[in-house]
Amino acid sequence: MAIHRMYVSPGQKPTEEQVERIRQAASFPITYDEDCPELTDEQYAEFARIAEKQRALAINDPQMVAKCLCLICII
């Protein structure tokens, strides 16, 4: 399995082929291993707490708001 990276610039839109590949990837089952074990409910709750805190900080950063809006437009 390989890691694929893609950098999206503001205003850039994915091709239909890229959108289809993303849809296909979303249907693949999750495979856990020693490098990426399944998380406990407590670990998920901690991630949610941290994400909420980061979103609260990011909403005050105009560049971060612009990046989030750009990603929403792509999806």
Protein backbone atom coordinates (compact mmCIF):
# COMPACT_ATOMS: atom_id res chain seq x y z
CA MET A 1 0.00 0.00 0.00
CA ALA A 2 1.34 3.43 -0.90
CA ILE A 3 0.73 6.88 0.49
CA HIS A 4 -0.55 9.33 -2.09
CA ARG A 5 -0.32 13.04 -1.43
CA MET A 6 -2.16 15.76 -3.24
CA TYR A 7 -1.84 19.46 -2.71
CA VAL A 8 -4.85 21.61 -3.48
CA SER A 9 -4.51 25.28 -4.25
CA PRO A 10 -7.28 27.79 -3.54
CA GLY A 11 -9.73 27.73 -6.44
CA GLN A 12 -8.44 24.42 -7.78
CA LYS A 13 -11.15 21.83 -8.46
CA PRO A 14 -10.66 18.06 -8.71
CA THR A 15 -11.30 16.23 -11.95
CA GLU A 16 -14.16 13.74 -12.21
CA GLU A 17 -11.57 10.94 -12.17
CA GLN A 18 -10.14 12.26 -8.88
CA VAL A 19 -13.60 12.54 -7.34
CA GLU A 20 -14.37 8.96 -8.39
CA ARG A 21 -11.09 7.70 -6.89
CA ILE A 22 -11.95 9.43 -3.61
CA ARG A 23 -15.40 7.82 -3.62
CA GLN A 24 -13.86 4.40 -4.25
CA ALA A 25 -11.28 4.87 -1.49
CA ALA A 26 -14.04 5.82 0.95
CA SER A 27 -15.68 2.43 0.37
CA PHE A 28 -12.57 0.42 1.30
CA PRO A 29 -12.66 -1.30 4.69
CA ILE A 30 -10.48 0.08 7.47
CA THR A 31 -7.47 -2.12 8.19
CA TYR A 32 -5.94 -1.76 11.65
CA ASP A 33 -2.41 -2.89 12.50
CA GLU A 34 0.33 -2.29 15.10
CA ASP A 35 1.19 1.08 13.53
CA CYS A 36 -2.44 2.16 13.40
CA PRO A 37 -4.47 0.35 16.06
CA GLU A 38 -8.20 0.76 16.52
CA LEU A 39 -8.93 3.59 18.95
CA THR A 40 -10.92 3.31 22.15
CA ASP A 41 -13.96 5.48 22.85
CA GLU A 42 -11.83 7.53 25.25
CA GLN A 43 -9.21 8.16 22.55
CA TYR A 44 -11.91 9.26 20.09
CA ALA A 45 -13.30 11.61 22.73
CA GLU A 46 -9.83 13.11 23.26
CA PHE A 47 -9.43 13.67 19.51
CA ALA A 48 -12.84 15.33 19.39
CA ARG A 49 -11.90 17.62 22.29
CA ILE A 50 -8.64 18.63 20.63
CA ALA A 51 -10.32 19.17 17.24
CA GLU A 52 -12.98 21.38 18.82
CA LYS A 53 -10.28 23.45 20.48
CA GLN A 54 -8.34 23.80 17.21
CA ARG A 55 -11.49 24.83 15.31
CA ALA A 56 -12.16 27.51 17.92
CA LEU A 57 -8.65 28.88 17.41
CA ALA A 58 -8.76 28.57 13.61
CA ILE A 59 -12.03 30.48 13.25
CA ASN A 60 -10.15 33.60 14.34
CA ASP A 61 -7.47 33.08 11.67
CA PRO A 62 -8.61 34.49 8.28
CA GLN A 63 -6.15 32.31 6.34
CA MET A 64 -7.44 29.17 8.05
CA VAL A 65 -11.05 30.14 7.35
CA ALA A 66 -10.19 30.62 3.67
CA LYS A 67 -8.52 27.19 3.51
CA CYS A 68 -11.51 25.50 5.13
CA LEU A 69 -13.94 27.21 2.75
CA CYS A 70 -11.78 26.09 -0.18
CA LEU A 71 -11.89 22.46 1.00
CA ILE A 72 -15.66 22.60 1.49
CA CYS A 73 -16.11 23.83 -2.09
CA ILE A 74 -14.10 20.87 -3.38
CA ILE A 75 -16.18 18.31 -1.52
